[in-house]
Amino acid sequence: MYDTQLLKKLTDEGIELLKELIKTPSTSKNEDKTAELIFNYFKNHGVENVNRHFNNVWAICKNFDPQKPTILFNSHHDTVLPAKTYTRNPFSPDVENGILYGLGSNDAGGPAINLITTFLYFYNMAQLPYNLIVAITAEEENSGDNGVLSILDKLPKIEFAVVGEPTCMEISVAEKGILVLDCLAKGKTGHAARNTGINAIYKAMQDIEWFKNYKFEKTSPWLGDVKCTVTGVNAGTLHNVIPSECSFMVDVRITEKYTHQEVLDIIKANIPNKDTEVKPRSFKLKSSHIDENHPFIKLAASKGFKLFGSPTTSDRAVMPYASLKVGPGDSNRSHTADEYILLEEITSGIEKTIGLFEDFFNVK
């Protein structure tokens, strides 16, 4: 089953790397120091083919064979800003009662260490039926263009990707995409004391009510319905002036049943006020999924891994190939004060991941 000695060595070293990452601030667009740590970590472990572009670092297995299919391991090393309600130093990797505290420990330090360690475990094996590439990338938290998206064209053809995020080691086979809409309801200015003008706020209220209640026809077996949430409204200048414009923004979570354009077309065709402007910010963050009959997914399910559909978005959203999401830690802890991960979650996650891939590769 496992090379227990190698497994323990790599796991212990991986946890020490995670502590160094926690010590090193790495908010989105400011990950240069953690990129350096990760690059050097691969080099110090004898990895020959290590690359860096912006603050993205990726390593390629020793016996890469272009005739074999390639699996991409990907996680991120950037973090959000520490919450103002922290009671601990967010950059101090304190361990208490088997709990490792620190910003980025759970999202996505633990999952990143899981994939780095799995990659290094298999690094020297020549008989694998797949190539392995591990990419620990930047700007995930702000969906930046200089994150994983900037290196996809630098990688060989990918068969499927394993994205490391805290999922309690459950496997996300599907993930919702995001479409943010900037909407502008239009009226006509007038005096509030007189029966003049057309109040844009009232028109916006009609549109907002529609967004609240509209149900898209297609339902995803893993992700449920497309979900629209109005998350901001702005209008008015003076108390006695009827506003001619009311802007509002909508967060739309899209399933694999629709493209961004299809959702936008449906909204424009059905919104009550046809003169309301509906402008998408981007079509970049797409819904993602992997067929539940994929050999890897079928194997994982047979080994007791729970499958689920994720409402949150990751770097899977910009990948043009099948992908899944899995990792130690719990998504409910992400972006919270006094973020933490259990050491046992890391060690057992690594064992489970390596064991699953040993079975998939049929390596004993």
Protein backbone atom coordinates (compact mmCIF):
# COMPACT_ATOMS: atom_id res chain seq x y z
CA MET A 1 0.00 0.00 0.00
CA TYR A 2 2.10 2.93 1.23
CA ASP A 3 5.80 3.50 1.49
CA THR A 4 5.15 4.53 5.10
CA GLN A 5 8.62 5.95 5.69
CA LEU A 6 8.48 8.19 2.61
CA LEU A 7 4.90 9.14 3.39
CA LYS A 8 5.72 10.26 6.93
CA LYS A 9 8.82 12.17 5.79
CA LEU A 10 6.97 14.06 3.08
CA THR A 11 3.97 14.75 5.31
CA ASP A 12 6.10 16.17 8.12
CA GLU A 13 8.02 18.33 5.65
CA GLY A 14 4.80 19.47 4.03
CA ILE A 15 3.39 20.64 7.37
CA GLU A 16 6.58 22.61 8.00
CA LEU A 17 6.19 24.24 4.57
CA LEU A 18 2.61 25.15 5.46
CA LYS A 19 3.85 26.85 8.63
CA GLU A 20 6.31 28.89 6.56
CA LEU A 21 3.54 29.85 4.14
CA ILE A 22 1.37 31.04 7.03
CA LYS A 23 4.25 33.18 8.32
CA THR A 24 4.58 34.85 4.91
CA PRO A 25 1.81 37.32 3.92
CA SER A 26 0.41 36.41 0.50
CA THR A 27 -2.79 38.30 -0.24
CA SER A 28 -3.91 38.20 -3.87
CA LYS A 29 -1.43 40.02 -6.14
CA ASN A 30 1.18 39.99 -3.33
CA GLU A 31 2.27 36.34 -3.40
CA ASP A 32 5.87 36.74 -4.55
CA LYS A 33 7.40 35.56 -1.27
CA THR A 34 5.26 32.44 -0.97
CA ALA A 35 5.87 31.67 -4.66
CA GLU A 36 9.59 31.75 -3.86
CA LEU A 37 9.08 29.41 -0.90
CA ILE A 38 7.19 26.90 -3.02
CA PHE A 39 9.65 27.09 -5.92
CA ASN A 40 12.58 26.43 -3.58
CA TYR A 41 10.69 23.63 -1.83
CA PHE A 42 10.38 21.72 -5.10
CA LYS A 43 14.02 22.35 -5.95
CA ASN A 44 15.15 21.19 -2.50
CA HIS A 45 13.23 17.96 -3.06
CA GLY A 46 15.11 17.21 -6.25
CA VAL A 47 12.41 18.21 -8.71
CA GLU A 48 14.21 19.00 -11.95
CA ASN A 49 11.49 20.70 -13.97
CA VAL A 50 10.13 23.59 -11.87
CA ASN A 51 8.67 26.68 -13.51
CA ARG A 52 7.44 30.10 -12.43
CA HIS A 53 5.32 32.66 -14.27
CA PHE A 54 4.25 35.72 -12.30
CA ASN A 55 3.55 34.18 -8.87
CA ASN A 56 2.45 30.80 -10.23
CA VAL A 57 4.73 27.82 -9.65
CA TRP A 58 4.39 24.45 -11.35
CA ALA A 59 6.44 21.26 -11.36
CA ILE A 60 6.45 18.36 -13.81
CA CYS A 61 7.04 14.71 -12.91
CA LYS A 62 10.50 13.29 -13.52
CA ASN A 63 9.50 10.71 -16.13
CA PHE A 64 7.18 12.88 -18.21
CA ASP A 65 6.13 11.05 -21.37
CA PRO A 66 4.25 13.06 -24.03
CA GLN A 67 2.58 9.83 -25.16
CA LYS A 68 0.79 9.49 -21.81
CA PRO A 69 -2.23 11.49 -20.62
CA THR A 70 -1.53 14.13 -17.96
CA ILE A 71 -3.28 14.91 -14.69
CA LEU A 72 -3.03 18.43 -13.27
CA PHE A 73 -2.93 19.00 -9.52
CA ASN A 74 -3.79 22.63 -8.76
CA SER A 75 -4.29 24.67 -5.62
CA HIS A 76 -3.60 28.27 -4.65
CA HIS A 77 -1.26 30.02 -2.22
CA ASP A 78 -2.87 33.46 -2.08
CA THR A 79 -5.16 34.48 0.77
CA VAL A 80 -7.81 37.06 1.52
CA LEU A 81 -7.01 39.89 3.93
CA PRO A 82 -7.23 38.77 7.56
CA ALA A 83 -10.62 39.43 9.12
CA LYS A 84 -10.72 42.36 11.54
CA THR A 85 -12.10 40.09 14.26
CA TYR A 86 -8.96 37.94 14.55
CA THR A 87 -8.00 37.29 18.16
CA ARG A 88 -4.69 35.68 17.12
CA ASN A 89 -1.79 36.80 14.99
CA PRO A 90 -2.95 35.61 11.54
CA PHE A 91 0.67 35.09 10.49
CA SER A 92 1.69 32.97 13.47
CA PRO A 93 1.38 29.22 12.74
CA ASP A 94 0.51 28.19 16.29
CA VAL A 95 -0.27 24.55 17.04
CA GLU A 96 -2.53 23.85 20.00
CA ASN A 97 -4.09 20.46 20.75
CA GLY A 98 -3.46 19.24 17.22
CA ILE A 99 -4.93 22.39 15.62
CA LEU A 100 -2.80 24.54 13.30
CA TYR A 101 -3.94 28.17 13.30
CA GLY A 102 -3.13 30.88 10.78
CA LEU A 103 -4.36 32.77 7.74
CA GLY A 104 -4.49 30.43 4.76
CA SER A 105 -4.06 27.28 6.85
CA ASN A 106 -7.41 25.92 5.71
CA ASP A 107 -7.95 27.90 2.49
CA ALA A 108 -5.99 26.65 0.77
CA GLY A 109 -2.76 25.78 2.57
CA GLY A 110 -3.81 22.33 3.71
CA PRO A 111 -5.22 21.33 0.31
CA ALA A 112 -2.09 22.71 -1.43
CA ILE A 113 0.20 20.68 0.85
CA ASN A 114 -1.97 17.64 0.17
CA LEU A 115 -1.36 17.89 -3.59
CA ILE A 116 2.31 18.88 -3.31
CA THR A 117 2.98 15.87 -1.09
CA THR A 118 1.04 13.50 -3.36
CA PHE A 119 3.02 14.77 -6.36
CA LEU A 120 6.36 14.28 -4.60
CA TYR A 121 5.34 10.80 -3.45
CA PHE A 122 4.85 9.68 -7.05
CA TYR A 123 7.54 11.93 -8.54
CA ASN A 124 10.20 9.31 -9.27
CA MET A 125 7.90 6.49 -10.39
CA ALA A 126 8.51 5.55 -14.01
CA GLN A 127 5.69 3.04 -14.46
CA LEU A 128 2.76 5.38 -13.92
CA PRO A 129 0.12 5.37 -16.69
CA TYR A 130 -0.28 9.15 -16.32
CA ASN A 131 2.02 12.15 -16.15
CA LEU A 132 1.60 14.41 -13.13
CA ILE A 133 1.91 18.20 -12.98
CA VAL A 134 1.33 20.19 -9.80
CA ALA A 135 0.63 23.92 -10.08
CA ILE A 136 0.33 26.09 -6.96
CA THR A 137 -1.02 29.33 -8.29
CA ALA A 138 -1.83 32.94 -7.40
CA GLU A 139 -4.81 35.31 -7.51
CA GLU A 140 -7.48 32.69 -6.89
CA GLU A 141 -9.23 34.74 -4.23
CA ASN A 142 -9.73 37.71 -6.57
CA SER A 143 -10.12 35.70 -9.81
CA GLY A 144 -7.15 37.59 -11.20
CA ASP A 145 -5.89 37.26 -14.75
CA ASN A 146 -2.33 36.57 -13.53
CA GLY A 147 -3.34 33.43 -11.67
CA VAL A 148 -3.83 29.94 -13.06
CA LEU A 149 -5.46 31.37 -16.19
CA SER A 150 -2.09 32.85 -17.21
CA ILE A 151 -0.31 29.47 -17.31
CA LEU A 152 -2.90 27.20 -18.92
CA ASP A 153 -1.38 27.72 -22.38
CA LYS A 154 2.06 26.83 -20.98
CA LEU A 155 0.98 23.37 -19.86
CA PRO A 156 0.73 20.23 -22.00
CA LYS A 157 -2.66 18.76 -22.83
CA ILE A 158 -4.49 17.92 -19.61
CA GLU A 159 -6.74 14.87 -19.27
CA PHE A 160 -8.38 16.11 -16.07
CA ALA A 161 -7.57 18.34 -13.11
CA VAL A 162 -7.70 17.85 -9.35
CA VAL A 163 -8.24 21.22 -7.66
CA GLY A 164 -7.28 21.48 -4.01
CA GLU A 165 -9.79 23.29 -1.79
CA PRO A 166 -11.10 22.47 1.70
CA THR A 167 -13.94 19.98 1.16
CA CYS A 168 -13.58 17.66 4.18
CA MET A 169 -12.08 15.24 1.62
CA GLU A 170 -15.41 14.94 -0.15
CA ILE A 171 -15.20 15.20 -3.93
CA SER A 172 -16.97 18.00 -5.75
CA VAL A 173 -17.95 16.69 -9.17
CA ALA A 174 -19.69 19.92 -10.13
CA GLU A 175 -19.35 23.57 -9.23
CA LYS A 176 -21.45 26.63 -9.94
CA GLY A 177 -20.15 29.41 -12.13
CA ILE A 178 -20.62 33.13 -11.48
CA LEU A 179 -22.22 35.84 -13.58
CA VAL A 180 -22.29 39.33 -12.04
CA LEU A 181 -24.78 41.75 -13.61
CA ASP A 182 -24.83 45.54 -13.36
CA CYS A 183 -28.40 46.66 -13.97
CA LEU A 184 -29.83 50.14 -14.49
CA ALA A 185 -33.54 50.84 -14.25
CA LYS A 186 -34.58 54.04 -16.04
CA GLY A 187 -37.27 56.56 -15.13
CA LYS A 188 -37.83 60.27 -15.50
CA THR A 189 -36.92 62.97 -13.02
CA GLY A 190 -39.67 65.00 -11.35
CA HIS A 191 -40.67 66.81 -8.14
CA ALA A 192 -41.55 64.52 -5.24
CA ALA A 193 -44.43 66.80 -4.19
CA ARG A 194 -46.10 66.68 -7.59
CA ASN A 195 -47.49 63.88 -9.73
CA THR A 196 -44.68 64.14 -12.25
CA GLY A 197 -41.78 61.99 -13.35
CA ILE A 198 -41.30 58.23 -13.39
CA ASN A 199 -39.63 56.81 -10.30
CA ALA A 200 -36.75 54.56 -11.33
CA ILE A 201 -36.67 53.01 -7.85
CA TYR A 202 -40.18 51.64 -8.32
CA LYS A 203 -39.22 50.20 -11.69
CA ALA A 204 -36.13 48.65 -10.16
CA MET A 205 -38.30 47.13 -7.43
CA GLN A 206 -40.34 45.34 -10.10
CA ASP A 207 -37.15 43.96 -11.66
CA ILE A 208 -35.68 42.98 -8.29
CA GLU A 209 -38.86 41.13 -7.36
CA TRP A 210 -38.58 39.24 -10.65
CA PHE A 211 -35.01 38.23 -9.91
CA LYS A 212 -36.15 37.05 -6.47
CA ASN A 213 -38.91 34.80 -7.82
CA TYR A 214 -37.87 33.67 -11.30
CA LYS A 215 -37.11 29.95 -11.67
CA PHE A 216 -34.99 28.76 -14.57
CA GLU A 217 -36.39 25.72 -16.32
CA LYS A 218 -33.40 23.34 -16.14
CA THR A 219 -32.29 21.88 -12.82
CA SER A 220 -28.87 20.31 -12.27
CA PRO A 221 -28.78 16.96 -10.44
CA TRP A 222 -25.68 18.11 -8.55
CA LEU A 223 -26.12 21.87 -8.26
CA GLY A 224 -29.86 22.42 -8.24
CA ASP A 225 -31.23 25.62 -9.78
CA VAL A 226 -29.58 28.71 -11.17
CA LYS A 227 -29.65 31.19 -8.28
CA CYS A 228 -30.05 34.98 -8.62
CA THR A 229 -29.40 37.29 -5.67
CA VAL A 230 -29.62 41.07 -5.74
CA THR A 231 -26.69 42.26 -3.64
CA GLY A 232 -26.67 46.03 -4.00
CA VAL A 233 -28.97 48.97 -4.87
CA ASN A 234 -28.21 52.64 -5.38
CA ALA A 235 -30.42 55.60 -6.35
CA GLY A 236 -31.39 59.13 -5.47
CA THR A 237 -29.73 62.47 -4.80
CA LEU A 238 -32.18 64.73 -2.92
CA HIS A 239 -35.26 63.92 -0.82
CA ASN A 240 -37.54 65.95 -3.09
CA VAL A 241 -36.30 64.71 -6.47
CA ILE A 242 -37.77 61.63 -8.12
CA PRO A 243 -34.75 59.64 -9.36
CA SER A 244 -34.45 58.96 -13.07
CA GLU A 245 -32.05 56.06 -12.54
CA CYS A 246 -31.69 53.22 -10.07
CA SER A 247 -28.73 50.87 -10.34
CA PHE A 248 -28.54 47.44 -8.77
CA MET A 249 -26.23 44.46 -9.04
CA VAL A 250 -27.10 40.80 -9.20
CA ASP A 251 -25.02 37.77 -8.27
CA VAL A 252 -26.03 34.84 -10.51
CA ARG A 253 -24.78 31.32 -9.76
CA ILE A 254 -24.93 29.20 -12.90
CA THR A 255 -25.11 25.41 -13.21
CA GLU A 256 -23.68 23.22 -15.96
CA LYS A 257 -27.12 23.22 -17.61
CA TYR A 258 -26.62 26.76 -18.98
CA THR A 259 -23.93 28.89 -20.53
CA HIS A 260 -23.46 32.46 -19.35
CA GLN A 261 -24.90 33.77 -22.63
CA GLU A 262 -27.99 31.58 -22.33
CA VAL A 263 -28.69 32.87 -18.81
CA LEU A 264 -28.17 36.47 -19.91
CA ASP A 265 -30.53 36.03 -22.87
CA ILE A 266 -33.24 34.54 -20.65
CA ILE A 267 -32.95 37.41 -18.18
CA LYS A 268 -33.13 40.07 -20.87
CA ALA A 269 -36.14 38.39 -22.45
CA ASN A 270 -38.10 38.07 -19.21
CA ILE A 271 -37.21 41.02 -16.98
CA PRO A 272 -40.36 43.17 -16.50
CA ASN A 273 -38.92 46.49 -17.67
CA LYS A 274 -37.43 45.98 -21.11
CA ASP A 275 -35.62 49.32 -20.99
CA THR A 276 -33.61 48.24 -17.94
CA GLU A 277 -29.96 47.85 -18.90
CA VAL A 278 -28.44 44.49 -17.94
CA LYS A 279 -24.69 44.35 -18.40
CA PRO A 280 -22.49 41.35 -17.53
CA ARG A 281 -19.10 42.06 -16.00
CA SER A 282 -17.48 38.89 -17.32
CA PHE A 283 -18.17 35.43 -18.73
CA LYS A 284 -14.90 34.10 -17.30
CA LEU A 285 -16.07 32.09 -14.28
CA LYS A 286 -17.91 29.18 -15.83
CA SER A 287 -19.66 26.26 -14.22
CA SER A 288 -17.49 23.14 -14.12
CA HIS A 289 -18.06 19.42 -13.77
CA ILE A 290 -16.72 15.95 -14.36
CA ASP A 291 -18.86 13.01 -15.48
CA GLU A 292 -19.81 10.86 -12.51
CA ASN A 293 -19.03 7.85 -14.73
CA HIS A 294 -15.43 9.00 -15.19
CA PRO A 295 -13.12 6.12 -14.11
CA PHE A 296 -11.50 8.19 -11.37
CA ILE A 297 -14.85 9.31 -9.95
CA LYS A 298 -16.26 5.78 -10.08
CA LEU A 299 -13.18 4.48 -8.25
CA ALA A 300 -13.38 7.23 -5.62
CA ALA A 301 -17.06 6.51 -4.99
CA SER A 302 -16.32 2.78 -4.64
CA LYS A 303 -13.68 3.64 -2.02
CA GLY A 304 -16.16 5.57 0.07
CA PHE A 305 -15.48 9.14 -1.06
CA LYS A 306 -18.68 11.19 -0.89
CA LEU A 307 -19.57 13.08 -4.07
CA PHE A 308 -21.29 16.47 -4.02
CA GLY A 309 -22.05 19.62 -6.00
CA SER A 310 -20.37 22.78 -4.77
CA PRO A 311 -22.09 26.20 -4.63
CA THR A 312 -18.71 27.97 -4.31
CA THR A 313 -16.33 28.73 -7.15
CA SER A 314 -12.65 27.86 -7.50
CA ASP A 315 -10.00 27.93 -10.22
CA ARG A 316 -11.92 25.12 -11.89
CA ALA A 317 -14.04 27.91 -13.38
CA VAL A 318 -11.34 28.88 -15.90
CA MET A 319 -10.17 25.37 -16.82
CA PRO A 320 -11.23 24.09 -20.24
CA TYR A 321 -11.16 20.40 -19.20
CA ALA A 322 -12.89 18.07 -16.78
CA SER A 323 -12.05 18.76 -13.16
CA LEU A 324 -12.90 17.82 -9.60
CA LYS A 325 -12.35 19.56 -6.27
CA VAL A 326 -11.13 17.90 -3.09
CA GLY A 327 -8.94 18.60 -0.07
CA PRO A 328 -8.56 18.49 3.69
CA GLY A 329 -10.11 21.22 5.81
CA ASP A 330 -13.61 22.63 5.87
CA SER A 331 -14.96 25.32 3.55
CA ASN A 332 -16.98 26.78 6.44
CA ARG A 333 -13.70 27.99 8.00
CA SER A 334 -12.55 29.82 4.90
CA HIS A 335 -12.25 33.61 5.22
CA THR A 336 -13.13 33.48 8.93
CA ALA A 337 -11.24 34.94 11.88
CA ASP A 338 -8.77 32.61 13.63
CA GLU A 339 -8.72 30.29 10.62
CA TYR A 340 -7.41 26.81 11.36
CA ILE A 341 -6.96 23.25 10.12
CA LEU A 342 -6.48 20.06 12.11
CA LEU A 343 -3.12 18.33 11.66
CA GLU A 344 -5.03 15.06 11.54
CA GLU A 345 -7.03 16.40 8.59
CA ILE A 346 -3.79 17.03 6.72
CA THR A 347 -2.17 13.66 7.49
CA SER A 348 -5.29 11.59 6.83
CA GLY A 349 -6.05 13.61 3.70
CA ILE A 350 -2.61 12.87 2.28
CA GLU A 351 -2.99 9.16 3.07
CA LYS A 352 -6.42 9.03 1.42
CA THR A 353 -5.26 10.95 -1.67
CA ILE A 354 -2.15 8.85 -2.19
CA GLY A 355 -4.09 5.64 -1.56
CA LEU A 356 -6.73 6.62 -4.11
CA PHE A 357 -4.14 7.42 -6.76
CA GLU A 358 -2.22 4.22 -6.03
CA ASP A 359 -5.41 2.34 -6.84
CA PHE A 360 -6.08 4.50 -9.89
CA PHE A 361 -2.54 3.99 -11.18
CA ASN A 362 -2.65 0.35 -10.10
CA VAL A 363 0.66 0.82 -8.30
CA LYS A 364 1.32 -1.41 -5.25
